[in-house]
Amino acid sequence: MKISRCFLTICIASTLLKLRYGYTPSEMEAEFLENELKDEEIEPKQITTGRVSIEEKNIILTLHFAVRSQVEASNMMKMRYYDDIAEKAQILADSCTFEHDKGSNREVTRLGTVMIGQNICIGFSSWSECIYAWINEGNNFEYGIGSKNGGEISHYTQMVLWRTMAIGCGANPCNGTAFRVCNYAYGQYINERKTPWKVGAPCTDCPTNCGSDGFC
């Protein structure tokens, strides 16, 4: 079973180009992708205020698309950015507590009691640096085993969980130690970290229709 191990910046950048030019974004995606990534400008400025800019939403969503397209998944759902999920992430970021909050604090009205997952990072200078750290946990991951060397994988497995369809993020400078939070619907169960997707050709096991981009 071959699982892609292409997690370096140059490989992700290549995938971004494929995503950028390979299909027409949906109307919802276009809202956040209208400000295209410019040549050699995928690093946003260091945050000085709370909230996440349109440019940063673009980077967050595009990097998630990239890593989710790197795995050989037959059931990978397309991910979208939801502001109501982001509002809950922003509340935690504004607290500057530098730790995860309770699952009940992440719930949003339209999703009821759906389990919401969460990734956090502390002190990184940009969103892309933060997300690359999560992506690089994939070097510790082996499909069917989980962590093959005892290293952290949970941020990575949340990013590539097949049924995660929505993301929303928050950020705060927190007196010079940036605190970034992303919440995910759906969250992951511990046993899903070993097999966060079903291996196979794209879209061959979609619970819904298949898009031209290879996501369900």
N, C-alpha and C. Protein backbone atom coordinates (compact mmCIF):
# COMPACT_ATOMS: atom_id res chain seq x y z
N MET A 1 0.84 -1.18 0.00
CA MET A 1 0.00 0.00 0.00
C MET A 1 0.88 1.24 0.00
N LYS A 2 0.72 2.07 -1.00
CA LYS A 2 1.58 3.24 -1.13
C LYS A 2 0.86 4.48 -0.64
N ILE A 3 1.43 5.13 0.39
CA ILE A 3 0.89 6.37 0.90
C ILE A 3 1.92 7.46 0.65
N SER A 4 1.49 8.59 0.09
CA SER A 4 2.44 9.65 -0.25
C SER A 4 3.15 10.17 0.98
N ARG A 5 4.46 10.40 0.82
CA ARG A 5 5.27 10.94 1.91
C ARG A 5 5.84 12.30 1.50
N CYS A 6 5.15 13.01 0.65
CA CYS A 6 5.66 14.27 0.10
C CYS A 6 5.17 15.43 0.95
N PHE A 7 5.89 15.74 2.04
CA PHE A 7 5.42 16.75 2.96
C PHE A 7 6.29 18.00 3.01
N LEU A 8 7.37 18.06 2.24
CA LEU A 8 8.23 19.22 2.25
C LEU A 8 7.57 20.38 1.53
N THR A 9 8.07 21.59 1.83
CA THR A 9 7.48 22.80 1.27
C THR A 9 7.37 22.74 -0.24
N ILE A 10 8.39 22.24 -0.93
CA ILE A 10 8.38 22.24 -2.39
C ILE A 10 7.27 21.35 -2.94
N CYS A 11 6.97 20.24 -2.23
CA CYS A 11 5.91 19.34 -2.70
C CYS A 11 4.55 19.97 -2.46
N ILE A 12 4.36 20.58 -1.28
CA ILE A 12 3.10 21.24 -1.00
C ILE A 12 2.87 22.37 -1.99
N ALA A 13 3.94 23.13 -2.30
CA ALA A 13 3.80 24.22 -3.26
C ALA A 13 3.35 23.70 -4.61
N SER A 14 3.87 22.54 -5.02
CA SER A 14 3.47 21.93 -6.29
C SER A 14 1.99 21.57 -6.26
N THR A 15 1.54 21.03 -5.13
CA THR A 15 0.13 20.67 -5.00
C THR A 15 -0.75 21.91 -5.03
N LEU A 16 -0.27 23.00 -4.42
CA LEU A 16 -1.03 24.24 -4.43
C LEU A 16 -1.27 24.72 -5.86
N LEU A 17 -0.27 24.59 -6.70
CA LEU A 17 -0.42 25.01 -8.09
C LEU A 17 -1.47 24.16 -8.80
N LYS A 18 -1.48 22.86 -8.49
CA LYS A 18 -2.49 21.97 -9.08
C LYS A 18 -3.88 22.38 -8.64
N LEU A 19 -3.99 22.66 -7.34
CA LEU A 19 -5.28 23.08 -6.81
C LEU A 19 -5.70 24.43 -7.37
N ARG A 20 -4.72 25.29 -7.55
CA ARG A 20 -5.00 26.65 -8.00
C ARG A 20 -5.50 26.69 -9.44
N TYR A 21 -4.93 25.86 -10.30
CA TYR A 21 -5.25 25.92 -11.71
C TYR A 21 -6.00 24.70 -12.23
N GLY A 22 -6.18 23.68 -11.40
CA GLY A 22 -6.72 22.43 -11.89
C GLY A 22 -8.23 22.33 -11.90
N TYR A 23 -8.95 23.25 -11.22
CA TYR A 23 -10.40 23.18 -11.21
C TYR A 23 -10.97 24.53 -10.83
N THR A 24 -12.26 24.68 -11.07
CA THR A 24 -12.94 25.93 -10.71
C THR A 24 -13.52 25.79 -9.31
N PRO A 25 -13.14 26.68 -8.37
CA PRO A 25 -13.64 26.58 -7.00
C PRO A 25 -15.15 26.73 -6.94
N SER A 26 -15.76 26.12 -5.94
CA SER A 26 -17.19 26.30 -5.73
C SER A 26 -17.44 27.74 -5.28
N GLU A 27 -18.69 28.13 -5.25
CA GLU A 27 -19.03 29.50 -4.86
C GLU A 27 -18.55 29.81 -3.45
N MET A 28 -18.71 28.84 -2.53
CA MET A 28 -18.30 29.07 -1.15
C MET A 28 -16.78 29.20 -1.05
N GLU A 29 -16.06 28.33 -1.75
CA GLU A 29 -14.60 28.40 -1.73
C GLU A 29 -14.13 29.72 -2.33
N ALA A 30 -14.81 30.17 -3.38
CA ALA A 30 -14.37 31.37 -4.08
C ALA A 30 -14.37 32.58 -3.16
N GLU A 31 -15.26 32.58 -2.18
CA GLU A 31 -15.32 33.69 -1.23
C GLU A 31 -13.99 33.88 -0.53
N PHE A 32 -13.31 32.76 -0.27
CA PHE A 32 -12.04 32.83 0.46
C PHE A 32 -10.83 32.68 -0.45
N LEU A 33 -11.05 32.19 -1.66
CA LEU A 33 -9.92 31.97 -2.56
C LEU A 33 -9.80 33.05 -3.62
N GLU A 34 -10.65 34.08 -3.56
CA GLU A 34 -10.63 35.12 -4.59
C GLU A 34 -9.32 35.90 -4.57
N ASN A 35 -8.73 36.05 -3.37
CA ASN A 35 -7.41 36.69 -3.29
C ASN A 35 -6.37 35.60 -3.47
N GLU A 36 -6.00 35.31 -4.70
CA GLU A 36 -5.08 34.21 -4.99
C GLU A 36 -3.74 34.40 -4.30
N LEU A 37 -3.08 33.29 -4.02
CA LEU A 37 -1.72 33.36 -3.52
C LEU A 37 -0.84 33.91 -4.63
N LYS A 38 -0.10 34.96 -4.32
CA LYS A 38 0.80 35.55 -5.30
C LYS A 38 2.12 34.80 -5.29
N ASP A 39 2.88 34.97 -6.36
CA ASP A 39 4.17 34.29 -6.47
C ASP A 39 5.04 34.56 -5.27
N GLU A 40 5.46 33.47 -4.60
CA GLU A 40 6.38 33.52 -3.48
C GLU A 40 5.85 34.36 -2.33
N GLU A 41 4.52 34.40 -2.16
CA GLU A 41 3.94 35.19 -1.09
C GLU A 41 2.92 34.35 -0.32
N ILE A 42 3.32 33.17 0.12
CA ILE A 42 2.39 32.35 0.88
C ILE A 42 2.53 32.58 2.38
N GLU A 43 3.49 33.44 2.79
CA GLU A 43 3.66 33.75 4.20
C GLU A 43 2.95 35.06 4.53
N PRO A 44 1.88 35.04 5.35
CA PRO A 44 1.24 36.29 5.74
C PRO A 44 2.09 37.03 6.76
N LYS A 45 1.74 38.29 6.99
CA LYS A 45 2.46 39.06 8.00
C LYS A 45 2.18 38.50 9.38
N GLN A 46 3.12 38.72 10.30
CA GLN A 46 2.93 38.27 11.67
C GLN A 46 1.70 38.95 12.24
N ILE A 47 0.88 38.21 12.97
CA ILE A 47 -0.36 38.79 13.46
C ILE A 47 -0.09 39.84 14.52
N THR A 48 -0.82 40.93 14.45
CA THR A 48 -0.71 42.00 15.44
C THR A 48 -2.05 42.27 16.10
N THR A 49 -3.12 41.72 15.54
CA THR A 49 -4.44 41.84 16.13
C THR A 49 -5.12 40.48 16.07
N GLY A 50 -6.25 40.37 16.78
CA GLY A 50 -7.01 39.14 16.75
C GLY A 50 -7.69 38.94 15.40
N ARG A 51 -8.37 37.83 15.26
CA ARG A 51 -9.09 37.46 14.05
C ARG A 51 -8.16 36.96 12.96
N VAL A 52 -8.79 36.41 11.93
CA VAL A 52 -8.05 35.82 10.81
C VAL A 52 -8.48 36.55 9.54
N SER A 53 -7.53 37.04 8.78
CA SER A 53 -7.83 37.82 7.58
C SER A 53 -8.29 36.91 6.44
N ILE A 54 -8.87 37.52 5.41
CA ILE A 54 -9.28 36.76 4.23
C ILE A 54 -8.07 36.07 3.61
N GLU A 55 -6.95 36.76 3.55
CA GLU A 55 -5.73 36.17 3.00
C GLU A 55 -5.32 34.94 3.80
N GLU A 56 -5.42 35.04 5.13
CA GLU A 56 -5.04 33.91 5.98
C GLU A 56 -6.03 32.76 5.86
N LYS A 57 -7.31 33.05 5.72
CA LYS A 57 -8.29 31.99 5.47
C LYS A 57 -7.94 31.26 4.17
N ASN A 58 -7.54 32.02 3.18
CA ASN A 58 -7.10 31.45 1.90
C ASN A 58 -5.96 30.46 2.12
N ILE A 59 -4.95 30.87 2.87
CA ILE A 59 -3.78 30.03 3.12
C ILE A 59 -4.17 28.79 3.92
N ILE A 60 -4.96 28.97 4.97
CA ILE A 60 -5.38 27.85 5.82
C ILE A 60 -6.12 26.80 4.99
N LEU A 61 -7.10 27.25 4.23
CA LEU A 61 -7.92 26.31 3.46
C LEU A 61 -7.11 25.65 2.35
N THR A 62 -6.28 26.42 1.67
CA THR A 62 -5.50 25.87 0.56
C THR A 62 -4.49 24.85 1.03
N LEU A 63 -3.84 25.09 2.16
CA LEU A 63 -2.88 24.11 2.68
C LEU A 63 -3.58 22.83 3.13
N HIS A 64 -4.79 22.97 3.67
CA HIS A 64 -5.55 21.77 4.03
C HIS A 64 -5.96 21.00 2.77
N PHE A 65 -6.40 21.70 1.73
CA PHE A 65 -6.69 21.03 0.47
C PHE A 65 -5.47 20.26 -0.01
N ALA A 66 -4.31 20.90 0.09
CA ALA A 66 -3.08 20.30 -0.43
C ALA A 66 -2.75 18.99 0.27
N VAL A 67 -2.75 19.00 1.61
CA VAL A 67 -2.36 17.79 2.33
C VAL A 67 -3.42 16.70 2.18
N ARG A 68 -4.70 17.07 2.10
CA ARG A 68 -5.75 16.07 1.94
C ARG A 68 -5.69 15.43 0.55
N SER A 69 -5.19 16.16 -0.42
CA SER A 69 -5.07 15.60 -1.77
C SER A 69 -3.82 14.74 -1.92
N GLN A 70 -2.91 14.78 -0.94
CA GLN A 70 -1.66 14.01 -1.02
C GLN A 70 -1.86 12.54 -0.69
N VAL A 71 -2.93 12.20 0.02
CA VAL A 71 -3.13 10.81 0.41
C VAL A 71 -4.03 10.10 -0.60
N GLU A 72 -3.86 8.79 -0.70
CA GLU A 72 -4.64 7.99 -1.65
C GLU A 72 -5.95 7.56 -1.00
N ALA A 73 -6.89 8.49 -0.97
CA ALA A 73 -8.15 8.27 -0.27
C ALA A 73 -9.30 8.14 -1.25
N SER A 74 -10.18 7.18 -0.97
CA SER A 74 -11.34 6.96 -1.83
C SER A 74 -12.58 7.69 -1.34
N ASN A 75 -12.48 8.29 -0.14
CA ASN A 75 -13.67 8.88 0.47
C ASN A 75 -13.41 10.25 1.08
N MET A 76 -12.40 10.98 0.62
CA MET A 76 -12.02 12.26 1.22
C MET A 76 -13.04 13.35 0.88
N MET A 77 -13.64 13.92 1.92
CA MET A 77 -14.63 14.97 1.73
C MET A 77 -13.95 16.32 1.47
N LYS A 78 -14.62 17.15 0.68
CA LYS A 78 -14.11 18.50 0.45
C LYS A 78 -14.31 19.33 1.71
N MET A 79 -13.31 20.12 2.07
CA MET A 79 -13.36 20.93 3.28
C MET A 79 -13.73 22.37 2.93
N ARG A 80 -14.57 22.96 3.77
CA ARG A 80 -14.97 24.36 3.59
C ARG A 80 -14.73 25.14 4.87
N TYR A 81 -14.62 26.45 4.73
CA TYR A 81 -14.36 27.32 5.88
C TYR A 81 -15.68 27.92 6.36
N TYR A 82 -15.99 27.72 7.66
CA TYR A 82 -17.23 28.21 8.24
C TYR A 82 -16.93 29.23 9.33
N ASP A 83 -17.54 30.40 9.20
CA ASP A 83 -17.27 31.47 10.16
C ASP A 83 -17.82 31.17 11.55
N ASP A 84 -18.92 30.41 11.65
CA ASP A 84 -19.45 30.12 12.98
C ASP A 84 -18.51 29.18 13.74
N ILE A 85 -17.85 28.27 13.04
CA ILE A 85 -16.84 27.43 13.68
C ILE A 85 -15.64 28.28 14.07
N ALA A 86 -15.28 29.23 13.21
CA ALA A 86 -14.15 30.12 13.49
C ALA A 86 -14.40 30.98 14.72
N GLU A 87 -15.64 31.40 14.93
CA GLU A 87 -15.96 32.24 16.09
C GLU A 87 -15.62 31.53 17.39
N LYS A 88 -15.90 30.24 17.45
CA LYS A 88 -15.58 29.47 18.66
C LYS A 88 -14.07 29.33 18.83
N ALA A 89 -13.35 29.14 17.73
CA ALA A 89 -11.89 29.06 17.79
C ALA A 89 -11.31 30.39 18.25
N GLN A 90 -11.92 31.50 17.79
CA GLN A 90 -11.42 32.82 18.16
C GLN A 90 -11.59 33.08 19.65
N ILE A 91 -12.66 32.59 20.24
CA ILE A 91 -12.87 32.76 21.68
C ILE A 91 -11.72 32.15 22.46
N LEU A 92 -11.30 30.95 22.06
CA LEU A 92 -10.17 30.31 22.75
C LEU A 92 -8.89 31.09 22.49
N ALA A 93 -8.67 31.51 21.24
CA ALA A 93 -7.45 32.27 20.93
C ALA A 93 -7.39 33.55 21.76
N ASP A 94 -8.51 34.21 21.94
CA ASP A 94 -8.55 35.46 22.71
C ASP A 94 -8.27 35.24 24.19
N SER A 95 -8.48 34.02 24.67
CA SER A 95 -8.23 33.72 26.08
C SER A 95 -6.74 33.64 26.40
N CYS A 96 -5.93 33.38 25.38
CA CYS A 96 -4.47 33.25 25.55
C CYS A 96 -4.11 32.23 26.63
N THR A 97 -4.89 31.15 26.72
CA THR A 97 -4.62 30.11 27.72
C THR A 97 -3.60 29.09 27.23
N PHE A 98 -3.33 29.06 25.94
CA PHE A 98 -2.34 28.17 25.33
C PHE A 98 -2.61 26.69 25.60
N GLU A 99 -3.89 26.31 25.62
CA GLU A 99 -4.26 24.91 25.77
C GLU A 99 -5.63 24.69 25.14
N HIS A 100 -5.95 23.42 24.91
CA HIS A 100 -7.25 23.09 24.32
C HIS A 100 -8.38 23.43 25.29
N ASP A 101 -9.53 23.78 24.72
CA ASP A 101 -10.71 23.99 25.56
C ASP A 101 -11.57 22.73 25.58
N LYS A 102 -12.70 22.80 26.26
CA LYS A 102 -13.61 21.67 26.33
C LYS A 102 -14.35 21.51 25.01
N GLY A 103 -14.65 20.27 24.67
CA GLY A 103 -15.37 20.02 23.44
C GLY A 103 -16.69 20.76 23.37
N SER A 104 -17.37 20.89 24.50
CA SER A 104 -18.67 21.58 24.52
C SER A 104 -18.54 23.05 24.18
N ASN A 105 -17.36 23.63 24.40
CA ASN A 105 -17.15 25.05 24.09
C ASN A 105 -17.03 25.29 22.59
N ARG A 106 -16.83 24.23 21.82
CA ARG A 106 -16.61 24.36 20.38
C ARG A 106 -17.89 24.18 19.57
N GLU A 107 -18.95 23.72 20.20
CA GLU A 107 -20.18 23.40 19.49
C GLU A 107 -20.80 24.64 18.85
N VAL A 108 -21.36 24.44 17.66
CA VAL A 108 -22.06 25.52 16.96
C VAL A 108 -23.50 25.10 16.74
N THR A 109 -24.39 26.07 16.72
CA THR A 109 -25.83 25.79 16.71
C THR A 109 -26.25 24.89 15.57
N ARG A 110 -25.79 25.18 14.37
CA ARG A 110 -26.28 24.43 13.21
C ARG A 110 -25.85 22.97 13.20
N LEU A 111 -24.77 22.64 13.94
CA LEU A 111 -24.27 21.26 13.97
C LEU A 111 -24.68 20.51 15.23
N GLY A 112 -25.40 21.18 16.12
CA GLY A 112 -25.85 20.52 17.33
C GLY A 112 -24.69 20.03 18.18
N THR A 113 -24.74 18.75 18.56
CA THR A 113 -23.71 18.19 19.43
C THR A 113 -22.64 17.43 18.66
N VAL A 114 -22.51 17.70 17.38
CA VAL A 114 -21.45 17.07 16.58
C VAL A 114 -20.10 17.34 17.24
N MET A 115 -19.27 16.30 17.34
CA MET A 115 -17.96 16.47 17.96
C MET A 115 -17.08 17.36 17.08
N ILE A 116 -16.53 18.40 17.68
CA ILE A 116 -15.65 19.33 16.98
C ILE A 116 -14.22 19.09 17.43
N GLY A 117 -13.34 18.80 16.48
CA GLY A 117 -11.93 18.61 16.79
C GLY A 117 -11.20 19.94 16.86
N GLN A 118 -9.93 19.89 17.28
CA GLN A 118 -9.18 21.14 17.46
C GLN A 118 -7.68 20.91 17.34
N ASN A 119 -7.03 21.76 16.57
CA ASN A 119 -5.57 21.85 16.51
C ASN A 119 -5.15 23.22 17.01
N ILE A 120 -4.09 23.28 17.79
CA ILE A 120 -3.56 24.56 18.25
C ILE A 120 -2.06 24.62 18.00
N CYS A 121 -1.54 25.83 17.87
CA CYS A 121 -0.09 26.01 17.82
C CYS A 121 0.26 27.32 18.51
N ILE A 122 1.42 27.34 19.10
CA ILE A 122 1.85 28.44 19.95
C ILE A 122 3.21 28.95 19.49
N GLY A 123 3.29 30.25 19.23
CA GLY A 123 4.57 30.89 19.00
C GLY A 123 5.07 30.90 17.57
N PHE A 124 4.35 30.30 16.63
CA PHE A 124 4.81 30.32 15.24
C PHE A 124 4.60 31.71 14.64
N SER A 125 5.42 32.06 13.67
CA SER A 125 5.38 33.42 13.13
C SER A 125 4.32 33.63 12.06
N SER A 126 3.74 32.55 11.53
CA SER A 126 2.72 32.69 10.49
C SER A 126 1.83 31.45 10.48
N TRP A 127 0.69 31.58 9.81
CA TRP A 127 -0.21 30.44 9.67
C TRP A 127 0.43 29.32 8.87
N SER A 128 1.14 29.66 7.82
CA SER A 128 1.74 28.58 7.02
C SER A 128 2.79 27.83 7.81
N GLU A 129 3.58 28.54 8.63
CA GLU A 129 4.57 27.86 9.47
C GLU A 129 3.90 26.93 10.46
N CYS A 130 2.81 27.39 11.05
CA CYS A 130 2.04 26.58 11.99
C CYS A 130 1.49 25.32 11.31
N ILE A 131 0.88 25.49 10.16
CA ILE A 131 0.25 24.36 9.48
C ILE A 131 1.28 23.38 8.94
N TYR A 132 2.43 23.88 8.47
CA TYR A 132 3.48 22.97 8.03
C TYR A 132 3.96 22.09 9.19
N ALA A 133 3.97 22.63 10.41
CA ALA A 133 4.35 21.82 11.57
C ALA A 133 3.36 20.67 11.76
N TRP A 134 2.08 20.95 11.58
CA TRP A 134 1.08 19.88 11.67
C TRP A 134 1.28 18.86 10.54
N ILE A 135 1.48 19.37 9.34
CA ILE A 135 1.67 18.48 8.19
C ILE A 135 2.88 17.57 8.37
N ASN A 136 3.95 18.12 8.91
CA ASN A 136 5.19 17.35 9.06
C ASN A 136 5.05 16.19 10.05
N GLU A 137 4.00 16.20 10.88
CA GLU A 137 3.74 15.04 11.73
C GLU A 137 3.44 13.81 10.88
N GLY A 138 3.09 14.02 9.62
CA GLY A 138 2.86 12.89 8.72
C GLY A 138 4.08 12.02 8.55
N ASN A 139 5.26 12.56 8.84
CA ASN A 139 6.48 11.76 8.77
C ASN A 139 6.53 10.71 9.88
N ASN A 140 5.71 10.90 10.92
CA ASN A 140 5.62 9.92 12.02
C ASN A 140 4.51 8.91 11.81
N PHE A 141 3.72 9.10 10.74
CA PHE A 141 2.50 8.33 10.54
C PHE A 141 2.69 7.19 9.55
N GLU A 142 2.10 6.05 9.89
CA GLU A 142 2.01 4.93 8.95
C GLU A 142 0.58 4.42 8.96
N TYR A 143 -0.02 4.33 7.79
CA TYR A 143 -1.41 3.92 7.68
C TYR A 143 -1.61 2.53 8.28
N GLY A 144 -2.64 2.41 9.12
CA GLY A 144 -2.96 1.15 9.77
C GLY A 144 -2.27 0.96 11.10
N ILE A 145 -1.24 1.76 11.36
CA ILE A 145 -0.48 1.68 12.61
C ILE A 145 -0.69 2.92 13.47
N GLY A 146 -0.73 4.07 12.83
CA GLY A 146 -0.76 5.33 13.56
C GLY A 146 0.64 5.88 13.65
N SER A 147 1.08 6.17 14.87
CA SER A 147 2.45 6.66 15.05
C SER A 147 3.42 5.49 14.98
N LYS A 148 4.31 5.52 14.01
CA LYS A 148 5.24 4.40 13.82
C LYS A 148 6.49 4.53 14.67
N ASN A 149 6.68 5.69 15.30
CA ASN A 149 7.91 5.92 16.07
C ASN A 149 7.67 6.59 17.41
N GLY A 150 6.41 6.69 17.82
CA GLY A 150 6.08 7.34 19.08
C GLY A 150 5.92 8.84 18.97
N GLY A 151 6.16 9.38 17.78
CA GLY A 151 6.04 10.82 17.58
C GLY A 151 4.59 11.27 17.46
N GLU A 152 4.37 12.54 17.60
CA GLU A 152 3.03 13.12 17.53
C GLU A 152 2.45 13.00 16.13
N ILE A 153 1.17 12.64 16.04
CA ILE A 153 0.49 12.56 14.74
C ILE A 153 -0.90 13.19 14.76
N SER A 154 -1.42 13.55 15.93
CA SER A 154 -2.84 13.88 16.06
C SER A 154 -3.24 15.13 15.28
N HIS A 155 -2.33 16.11 15.16
CA HIS A 155 -2.67 17.30 14.36
C HIS A 155 -2.80 16.91 12.88
N TYR A 156 -1.86 16.10 12.43
CA TYR A 156 -1.88 15.64 11.04
C TYR A 156 -3.12 14.80 10.75
N THR A 157 -3.43 13.84 11.62
CA THR A 157 -4.57 12.96 11.35
C THR A 157 -5.89 13.72 11.38
N GLN A 158 -5.97 14.78 12.19
CA GLN A 158 -7.17 15.61 12.15
C GLN A 158 -7.29 16.31 10.80
N MET A 159 -6.17 16.76 10.27
CA MET A 159 -6.18 17.45 8.97
C MET A 159 -6.64 16.53 7.84
N VAL A 160 -6.29 15.24 7.91
CA VAL A 160 -6.58 14.32 6.81
C VAL A 160 -7.73 13.36 7.12
N LEU A 161 -8.46 13.58 8.20
CA LEU A 161 -9.62 12.74 8.50
C LEU A 161 -10.65 12.89 7.38
N TRP A 162 -11.05 11.77 6.82
CA TRP A 162 -11.88 11.79 5.61
C TRP A 162 -13.18 12.56 5.78
N ARG A 163 -13.81 12.45 6.97
CA ARG A 163 -15.14 13.04 7.14
C ARG A 163 -15.12 14.47 7.64
N THR A 164 -13.93 15.04 7.81
CA THR A 164 -13.85 16.45 8.21
C THR A 164 -14.22 17.32 7.02
N MET A 165 -15.34 18.01 7.13
CA MET A 165 -15.86 18.79 6.01
C MET A 165 -15.79 20.29 6.24
N ALA A 166 -15.50 20.71 7.47
CA ALA A 166 -15.52 22.14 7.76
C ALA A 166 -14.42 22.51 8.73
N ILE A 167 -13.91 23.72 8.58
CA ILE A 167 -12.85 24.24 9.43
C ILE A 167 -13.13 25.71 9.71
N GLY A 168 -12.69 26.17 10.86
CA GLY A 168 -12.74 27.59 11.20
C GLY A 168 -11.65 27.88 12.20
N CYS A 169 -10.96 28.99 12.06
CA CYS A 169 -9.77 29.25 12.87
C CYS A 169 -9.79 30.63 13.52
N GLY A 170 -9.00 30.76 14.59
CA GLY A 170 -8.85 32.03 15.28
C GLY A 170 -7.40 32.25 15.66
N ALA A 171 -7.04 33.50 15.93
CA ALA A 171 -5.66 33.82 16.28
C ALA A 171 -5.61 35.06 17.15
N ASN A 172 -4.59 35.11 18.00
CA ASN A 172 -4.36 36.28 18.83
C ASN A 172 -2.87 36.41 19.09
N PRO A 173 -2.31 37.65 19.06
CA PRO A 173 -0.87 37.82 19.30
C PRO A 173 -0.45 37.50 20.72
N CYS A 174 -1.36 37.62 21.69
CA CYS A 174 -1.09 37.22 23.09
C CYS A 174 0.26 37.74 23.60
N ASN A 175 0.44 39.05 23.53
CA ASN A 175 1.64 39.69 24.07
C ASN A 175 2.94 39.13 23.51
N GLY A 176 2.94 38.86 22.20
CA GLY A 176 4.17 38.43 21.55
C GLY A 176 4.33 36.94 21.36
N THR A 177 3.43 36.14 21.95
CA THR A 177 3.47 34.69 21.75
C THR A 177 2.18 34.28 21.05
N ALA A 178 2.23 34.27 19.73
CA ALA A 178 1.02 34.05 18.94
C ALA A 178 0.36 32.72 19.28
N PHE A 179 -0.97 32.76 19.43
CA PHE A 179 -1.76 31.58 19.73
C PHE A 179 -2.75 31.39 18.59
N ARG A 180 -2.64 30.27 17.89
CA ARG A 180 -3.50 29.97 16.74
C ARG A 180 -4.31 28.71 17.01
N VAL A 181 -5.58 28.76 16.64
CA VAL A 181 -6.52 27.67 16.91
C VAL A 181 -7.33 27.37 15.66
N CYS A 182 -7.45 26.11 15.30
CA CYS A 182 -8.37 25.68 14.24
C CYS A 182 -9.31 24.62 14.79
N ASN A 183 -10.60 24.82 14.60
CA ASN A 183 -11.60 23.83 14.98
C ASN A 183 -12.12 23.12 13.73
N TYR A 184 -12.45 21.85 13.89
CA TYR A 184 -12.82 21.00 12.75
C TYR A 184 -14.13 20.25 13.02
N ALA A 185 -14.98 20.21 12.01
CA ALA A 185 -16.16 19.35 12.04
C ALA A 185 -16.02 18.37 10.86
N TYR A 186 -15.80 17.13 11.13
CA TYR A 186 -15.94 16.48 12.43
C TYR A 186 -14.58 16.29 13.11
N GLY A 187 -14.65 16.13 14.46
CA GLY A 187 -13.44 15.78 15.19
C GLY A 187 -13.13 14.30 15.00
N GLN A 188 -11.96 13.91 15.48
CA GLN A 188 -11.52 12.52 15.31
C GLN A 188 -11.61 11.73 16.61
N TYR A 189 -11.97 10.47 16.48
CA TYR A 189 -11.87 9.54 17.60
C TYR A 189 -10.46 8.95 17.61
N ILE A 190 -10.00 8.53 18.77
CA ILE A 190 -8.63 8.03 18.90
C ILE A 190 -8.36 6.89 17.93
N ASN A 191 -9.33 5.97 17.78
CA ASN A 191 -9.09 4.82 16.90
C ASN A 191 -9.02 5.21 15.43
N GLU A 192 -9.50 6.40 15.08
CA GLU A 192 -9.44 6.85 13.69
C GLU A 192 -8.05 7.33 13.30
N ARG A 193 -7.19 7.53 14.28
CA ARG A 193 -5.84 8.02 13.97
C ARG A 193 -5.01 6.98 13.22
N LYS A 194 -5.40 5.72 13.30
CA LYS A 194 -4.68 4.68 12.55
C LYS A 194 -5.11 4.63 11.09
N THR A 195 -6.37 4.88 10.84
CA THR A 195 -6.91 4.82 9.48
C THR A 195 -7.85 6.01 9.25
N PRO A 196 -7.31 7.21 9.11
CA PRO A 196 -8.15 8.40 9.00
C PRO A 196 -8.85 8.56 7.65
N TRP A 197 -8.55 7.69 6.71
CA TRP A 197 -9.25 7.68 5.43
C TRP A 197 -9.29 6.24 4.93
N LYS A 198 -10.09 5.99 3.90
CA LYS A 198 -10.14 4.68 3.26
C LYS A 198 -9.27 4.72 2.01
N VAL A 199 -8.34 3.78 1.91
CA VAL A 199 -7.40 3.76 0.79
C VAL A 199 -8.11 3.33 -0.49
N GLY A 200 -7.84 4.05 -1.56
CA GLY A 200 -8.41 3.69 -2.85
C GLY A 200 -8.34 4.85 -3.81
N ALA A 201 -8.83 4.65 -5.01
CA ALA A 201 -8.84 5.71 -6.02
C ALA A 201 -9.79 6.81 -5.58
N PRO A 202 -9.47 8.06 -5.88
CA PRO A 202 -10.30 9.19 -5.45
C PRO A 202 -11.77 9.01 -5.82
N CYS A 203 -12.63 9.27 -4.84
CA CYS A 203 -14.08 9.33 -5.03
C CYS A 203 -14.75 7.98 -5.25
N THR A 204 -14.04 6.88 -5.12
CA THR A 204 -14.67 5.58 -5.37
C THR A 204 -15.53 5.10 -4.20
N ASP A 205 -15.42 5.76 -3.05
CA ASP A 205 -16.25 5.41 -1.90
C ASP A 205 -16.91 6.64 -1.29
N CYS A 206 -17.28 7.58 -2.11
CA CYS A 206 -17.91 8.80 -1.61
C CYS A 206 -19.31 8.53 -1.07
N PRO A 207 -19.64 9.09 0.11
CA PRO A 207 -21.01 8.98 0.60
C PRO A 207 -21.95 9.91 -0.16
N THR A 208 -21.36 10.85 -0.90
CA THR A 208 -22.13 11.79 -1.72
C THR A 208 -21.53 11.78 -3.12
N ASN A 209 -21.84 12.79 -3.90
CA ASN A 209 -21.30 12.88 -5.26
C ASN A 209 -19.81 13.22 -5.25
N CYS A 210 -19.17 12.96 -6.37
CA CYS A 210 -17.74 13.26 -6.52
C CYS A 210 -17.55 14.55 -7.31
N GLY A 211 -16.64 15.40 -6.83
CA GLY A 211 -16.33 16.62 -7.56
C GLY A 211 -15.20 16.38 -8.55
N SER A 212 -15.03 17.31 -9.47
CA SER A 212 -13.98 17.18 -10.48
C SER A 212 -12.59 17.31 -9.89
N ASP A 213 -12.50 17.77 -8.64
CA ASP A 213 -11.21 17.95 -7.97
C ASP A 213 -10.76 16.70 -7.23
N GLY A 214 -11.57 15.63 -7.25
CA GLY A 214 -11.20 14.39 -6.58
C GLY A 214 -11.67 14.30 -5.15
N PHE A 215 -12.39 15.33 -4.67
CA PHE A 215 -12.97 15.30 -3.32
C PHE A 215 -14.45 14.97 -3.41
N CYS A 216 -14.94 14.27 -2.39
CA CYS A 216 -16.37 13.95 -2.33
C CYS A 216 -17.18 15.21 -2.02
